[in-house]
């Protein structure tokens, strides 16, 4: 899905698209989780999915295990990629953490702002927070945990070579996510959230309600049947809803 050494897939967004959408994946994965989105989104939306170092076609690069170096590198990559077109962020799980912080930092540094932020499968309050002990849990325990989440295809768990690729990236991302701290601040752009009704990582039933105070333009929460990876089965509905909001805000900006 991604070209070696590049943060974004596709490397070049379609020139004819009027709006850009940066997609950030969950822990342990990369651009491949959004492989169907280009075909689901309107042709005017240029979707580019992020692959972090240490996975898929970037697996020869060292993974980041600390928040700040990873976040700084990703922030610089996004800044280098921006042009004069409106853009948006959508992130799932750890990708939502990163998208949230990217949006805040762009505002802090006076940079162009996304017209919309979409956060899926995570909230700054009431969601699972990995601990240092969990980051370093034995591989067998880690694999059993991700099995329960259903985060990878079933065949991965019985293939030692596949596990050898997946586990280091996941462990590194858990280490990064464990360093996230919530400062209670919000974002200066419209925000919409999504989640699965039976997400095992959602530790408080009202966790997603805390997003309402994080944007003056909170557009509400959409909930779907399924667990943490509900998004795999409901991508058509999620993309339709998100694209509807995105088109509205981008059109207002362009008019």
Protein backbone atom coordinates (compact mmCIF):
# COMPACT_ATOMS: atom_id res chain seq x y z
CA UNK A 1 0.00 0.00 0.00
CA UNK A 2 2.83 2.41 0.71
CA UNK A 3 6.03 3.29 -1.10
CA UNK A 4 9.23 2.62 0.86
CA UNK A 5 10.43 5.66 2.81
CA UNK A 6 7.23 7.63 2.28
CA UNK A 7 4.75 8.63 4.96
CA UNK A 8 1.73 8.80 2.67
CA UNK A 9 -0.04 6.54 0.21
CA UNK A 10 -0.52 7.49 -2.51
CA UNK A 11 2.66 9.55 -2.50
CA UNK A 12 1.11 12.18 -4.77
CA UNK A 13 -2.55 13.12 -4.27
CA UNK A 14 -4.69 13.43 -7.41
CA UNK A 15 -4.23 16.94 -8.76
CA UNK A 16 -7.88 17.24 -9.75
CA UNK A 17 -9.23 16.60 -6.24
CA UNK A 18 -10.26 19.76 -4.43
CA UNK A 19 -9.99 18.45 -0.85
CA UNK A 20 -7.32 16.38 0.88
CA UNK A 21 -7.87 13.82 3.62
CA UNK A 22 -5.06 12.41 5.76
CA UNK A 23 -5.91 9.01 7.27
CA UNK A 24 -4.07 7.79 10.37
CA UNK A 25 -4.19 4.07 11.31
CA UNK A 26 -4.44 2.15 14.56
CA UNK A 27 -1.46 0.85 16.51
CA UNK A 28 0.60 -1.78 14.75
CA UNK A 29 -0.76 -1.11 11.29
CA UNK A 30 -0.30 1.29 8.41
CA UNK A 31 -1.93 2.67 5.28
CA UNK A 32 -3.29 -0.76 4.38
CA UNK A 33 -6.23 -0.46 6.79
CA UNK A 34 -7.65 2.29 4.58
CA UNK A 35 -7.11 0.40 1.32
CA UNK A 36 -10.82 0.57 0.38
CA UNK A 37 -11.45 4.19 1.29
CA UNK A 38 -10.36 5.79 -1.99
CA UNK A 39 -13.14 3.89 -3.75
CA UNK A 40 -15.71 4.84 -1.11
CA UNK A 41 -14.99 8.55 -0.92
CA UNK A 42 -16.17 11.13 -3.50
CA UNK A 43 -13.76 11.66 -6.38
CA UNK A 44 -13.16 15.24 -5.20
CA UNK A 45 -11.52 13.95 -1.98
CA UNK A 46 -7.86 12.95 -2.25
CA UNK A 47 -7.25 10.44 0.54
CA UNK A 48 -3.68 9.77 1.66
CA UNK A 49 -3.13 7.17 4.37
CA UNK A 50 -0.17 7.28 6.74
CA UNK A 51 2.34 4.50 7.28
CA UNK A 52 4.67 5.01 10.22
CA UNK A 53 8.28 3.75 10.14
CA UNK A 54 8.85 0.08 10.95
CA UNK A 55 5.93 -1.59 9.18
CA UNK A 56 4.78 -2.71 5.75
CA UNK A 57 7.06 -1.25 3.08
CA UNK A 58 8.80 0.89 5.72
CA UNK A 59 9.67 -2.12 7.86
CA UNK A 60 13.42 -1.67 7.26
CA UNK A 61 13.24 1.65 9.11
CA UNK A 62 13.51 1.69 12.90
CA UNK A 63 10.23 2.05 14.77
CA UNK A 64 9.65 4.93 17.15
CA UNK A 65 8.99 3.93 20.74
CA UNK A 66 8.77 7.47 22.14
CA UNK A 67 5.94 9.91 21.52
CA UNK A 68 7.86 13.12 20.83
CA UNK A 69 10.26 11.92 18.09
CA UNK A 70 7.44 10.15 16.25
CA UNK A 71 5.02 13.05 16.59
CA UNK A 72 7.63 15.62 15.52
CA UNK A 73 8.53 13.59 12.44
CA UNK A 74 4.89 13.09 11.48
CA UNK A 75 4.09 16.77 12.04
CA UNK A 76 6.95 17.81 9.76
CA UNK A 77 5.82 15.31 7.12
CA UNK A 78 2.28 16.72 7.17
CA UNK A 79 3.52 20.31 6.94
CA UNK A 80 5.71 19.43 3.96
CA UNK A 81 2.74 17.80 2.26
CA UNK A 82 0.21 20.63 2.57
CA UNK A 83 -0.71 22.78 -0.40
CA UNK A 84 -3.38 25.41 -0.92
CA UNK A 85 -6.27 22.93 -0.83
CA UNK A 86 -8.53 22.43 2.20
CA UNK A 87 -7.61 19.32 4.19
CA UNK A 88 -8.94 17.13 6.97
CA UNK A 89 -7.72 14.44 9.38
CA UNK A 90 -9.33 11.12 10.24
CA UNK A 91 -7.74 8.73 12.72
CA UNK A 92 -8.67 5.44 14.34
CA UNK A 93 -7.41 4.50 17.85
CA UNK A 94 -3.78 5.64 18.08
CA UNK A 95 -4.38 7.39 14.77
CA UNK A 96 -7.07 9.47 16.48
CA UNK A 97 -4.58 10.41 19.22
CA UNK A 98 -2.10 11.58 16.60
CA UNK A 99 -4.71 13.42 14.52
CA UNK A 100 -5.98 15.19 17.65
CA UNK A 101 -2.51 16.36 18.62
CA UNK A 102 -1.61 17.33 15.03
CA UNK A 103 -4.68 19.58 14.90
CA UNK A 104 -3.77 21.23 18.19
CA UNK A 105 -0.15 21.83 17.19
CA UNK A 106 -1.08 23.34 13.83
CA UNK A 107 -3.19 25.89 15.70
CA UNK A 108 -0.47 26.57 18.26
CA UNK A 109 2.09 27.28 15.55
CA UNK A 110 -0.19 29.37 13.35
CA UNK A 111 -0.24 26.87 10.50
CA UNK A 112 -3.15 26.07 8.15
CA UNK A 113 -5.90 24.23 9.98
CA UNK A 114 -7.94 21.20 8.95
CA UNK A 115 -11.51 21.96 8.03
CA UNK A 116 -12.59 18.83 9.91
CA UNK A 117 -11.22 16.28 12.38
CA UNK A 118 -12.64 12.77 12.61
CA UNK A 119 -11.78 10.65 15.68
CA UNK A 120 -12.66 6.95 15.75
CA UNK A 121 -12.25 4.24 18.38
CA UNK A 122 -10.67 6.49 20.99
CA UNK A 123 -11.42 9.29 23.42
CA UNK A 124 -9.02 11.25 25.64
CA UNK A 125 -11.16 10.15 28.61
CA UNK A 126 -12.48 6.69 29.42
CA UNK A 127 -10.45 4.57 27.00
CA UNK A 128 -7.79 1.95 27.63
CA UNK A 129 -4.35 3.44 28.33
CA UNK A 130 -1.47 0.98 27.89
CA UNK A 131 1.00 0.71 30.75
CA UNK A 132 4.74 0.11 30.60
CA UNK A 133 4.13 -3.42 31.91
CA UNK A 134 1.67 -4.16 29.11
CA UNK A 135 4.05 -2.79 26.50
CA UNK A 136 6.61 -5.36 27.61
CA UNK A 137 4.27 -8.28 28.19
CA UNK A 138 5.51 -11.64 26.82
CA UNK A 139 4.71 -12.18 23.17
CA UNK A 140 2.26 -15.01 23.85
CA UNK A 141 0.19 -12.74 26.11
CA UNK A 142 0.37 -9.87 23.63
CA UNK A 143 -0.83 -12.11 20.81
CA UNK A 144 -3.74 -13.38 22.92
CA UNK A 145 -4.72 -9.80 23.66
CA UNK A 146 -4.76 -8.70 20.03
CA UNK A 147 -6.70 -11.86 19.15
CA UNK A 148 -9.48 -10.73 21.47
CA UNK A 149 -9.50 -7.33 19.79
CA UNK A 150 -9.66 -8.92 16.36
CA UNK A 151 -7.10 -6.43 15.13
CA UNK A 152 -5.52 -8.61 12.46
CA UNK A 153 -6.75 -11.32 10.08
CA UNK A 154 -7.02 -14.74 11.75
CA UNK A 155 -4.26 -16.25 9.58
CA UNK A 156 -1.71 -13.85 11.06
CA UNK A 157 -1.80 -15.53 14.46
CA UNK A 158 -0.79 -18.93 13.10
CA UNK A 159 2.01 -17.61 10.90
CA UNK A 160 5.29 -17.02 12.78
CA UNK A 161 6.68 -14.91 9.93
CA UNK A 162 3.63 -12.64 9.92
CA UNK A 163 3.71 -12.31 13.70
CA UNK A 164 7.39 -11.37 13.50
CA UNK A 165 6.36 -8.40 11.36
CA UNK A 166 3.28 -7.38 13.33
CA UNK A 167 4.35 -7.70 16.97
CA UNK A 168 7.36 -5.31 16.99
CA UNK A 169 5.34 -2.53 15.33
CA UNK A 170 2.43 -3.05 17.71
CA UNK A 171 4.69 -3.10 20.75
CA UNK A 172 6.39 0.12 19.61
CA UNK A 173 3.05 1.85 19.06
CA UNK A 174 1.77 0.77 22.46
CA UNK A 175 4.89 2.33 23.95
CA UNK A 176 4.12 5.58 22.10
CA UNK A 177 0.45 5.55 23.11
CA UNK A 178 1.38 4.93 26.76
CA UNK A 179 3.12 8.32 26.77
CA UNK A 180 0.07 10.30 25.65
CA UNK A 181 -1.20 12.64 28.35
CA UNK A 182 -4.49 14.51 28.16
CA UNK A 183 -4.30 18.19 29.04
CA UNK A 184 -8.03 18.77 28.73
CA UNK A 185 -7.62 21.05 25.72
CA UNK A 186 -9.67 20.90 22.54
CA UNK A 187 -9.33 21.78 18.87
CA UNK A 188 -10.18 24.90 16.91
CA UNK A 189 -12.02 23.15 14.09
CA UNK A 190 -15.18 21.06 13.61
CA UNK A 191 -14.99 17.59 15.16
CA UNK A 192 -17.00 14.40 14.58
CA UNK A 193 -16.50 11.04 16.32
CA UNK A 194 -17.21 7.38 15.58
CA UNK A 195 -17.07 4.12 17.53
CA UNK A 196 -18.20 0.53 17.99
CA UNK A 197 -20.95 -0.30 20.47
CA UNK A 198 -19.00 -3.16 22.05
CA UNK A 199 -15.44 -1.80 21.85
CA UNK A 200 -13.44 -3.67 24.54
CA UNK A 201 -11.02 -0.74 24.82
CA UNK A 202 -13.79 1.63 25.88
CA UNK A 203 -13.60 1.46 29.66
CA UNK A 204 -16.36 3.98 30.43
CA UNK A 205 -19.78 3.77 28.83
CA UNK A 206 -19.82 7.56 28.46
CA UNK A 207 -16.27 7.85 27.13
CA UNK A 208 -17.20 9.30 23.73
CA UNK A 209 -19.39 11.96 25.35
CA UNK A 210 -16.26 13.75 26.56
CA UNK A 211 -15.52 14.84 23.00
CA UNK A 212 -18.41 17.32 23.17
CA UNK A 213 -16.32 19.76 25.21
CA UNK A 214 -13.29 19.50 22.92
CA UNK A 215 -14.64 21.59 20.02
CA UNK A 216 -16.96 24.55 19.73
CA UNK A 217 -18.23 22.83 16.58
CA UNK A 218 -18.76 19.28 17.78
CA UNK A 219 -20.87 17.43 15.22
CA UNK A 220 -21.80 14.49 17.41
CA UNK A 221 -20.99 10.81 17.70
CA UNK A 222 -21.91 7.97 15.34
CA UNK A 223 -22.02 4.49 16.88
CA UNK A 224 -22.03 1.22 14.96
CA UNK A 225 -22.47 -2.46 15.83
CA UNK A 226 -19.17 -4.18 16.53
CA UNK A 227 -16.03 -3.93 18.61
CA UNK A 228 -12.85 -1.93 18.31
CA UNK A 229 -12.55 -2.74 14.62
CA UNK A 230 -16.15 -2.01 13.73
CA UNK A 231 -14.65 0.29 11.10
CA UNK A 232 -13.62 -2.66 8.92
CA UNK A 233 -17.28 -3.62 8.45
CA UNK A 234 -18.86 -0.17 8.39
CA UNK A 235 -16.43 1.76 6.20
CA UNK A 236 -19.13 2.65 3.61
CA UNK A 237 -21.31 4.27 6.27
CA UNK A 238 -18.43 6.00 8.05
CA UNK A 239 -16.97 7.41 4.83
CA UNK A 240 -20.39 8.61 3.64
CA UNK A 241 -21.05 10.42 6.90
CA UNK A 242 -17.57 11.93 7.15
CA UNK A 243 -17.51 12.95 3.48
CA UNK A 244 -20.85 14.72 3.89
CA UNK A 245 -19.45 16.88 6.68
CA UNK A 246 -16.17 17.39 4.82
CA UNK A 247 -17.89 18.55 1.65
CA UNK A 248 -19.97 21.07 3.61
CA UNK A 249 -17.02 22.68 5.38
CA UNK A 250 -14.68 22.59 2.38
CA UNK A 251 -17.34 24.14 0.12
CA UNK A 252 -17.94 26.94 2.61
CA UNK A 253 -14.22 27.67 2.69
CA UNK A 254 -13.88 27.64 -1.11
CA UNK A 255 -16.95 29.83 -1.79
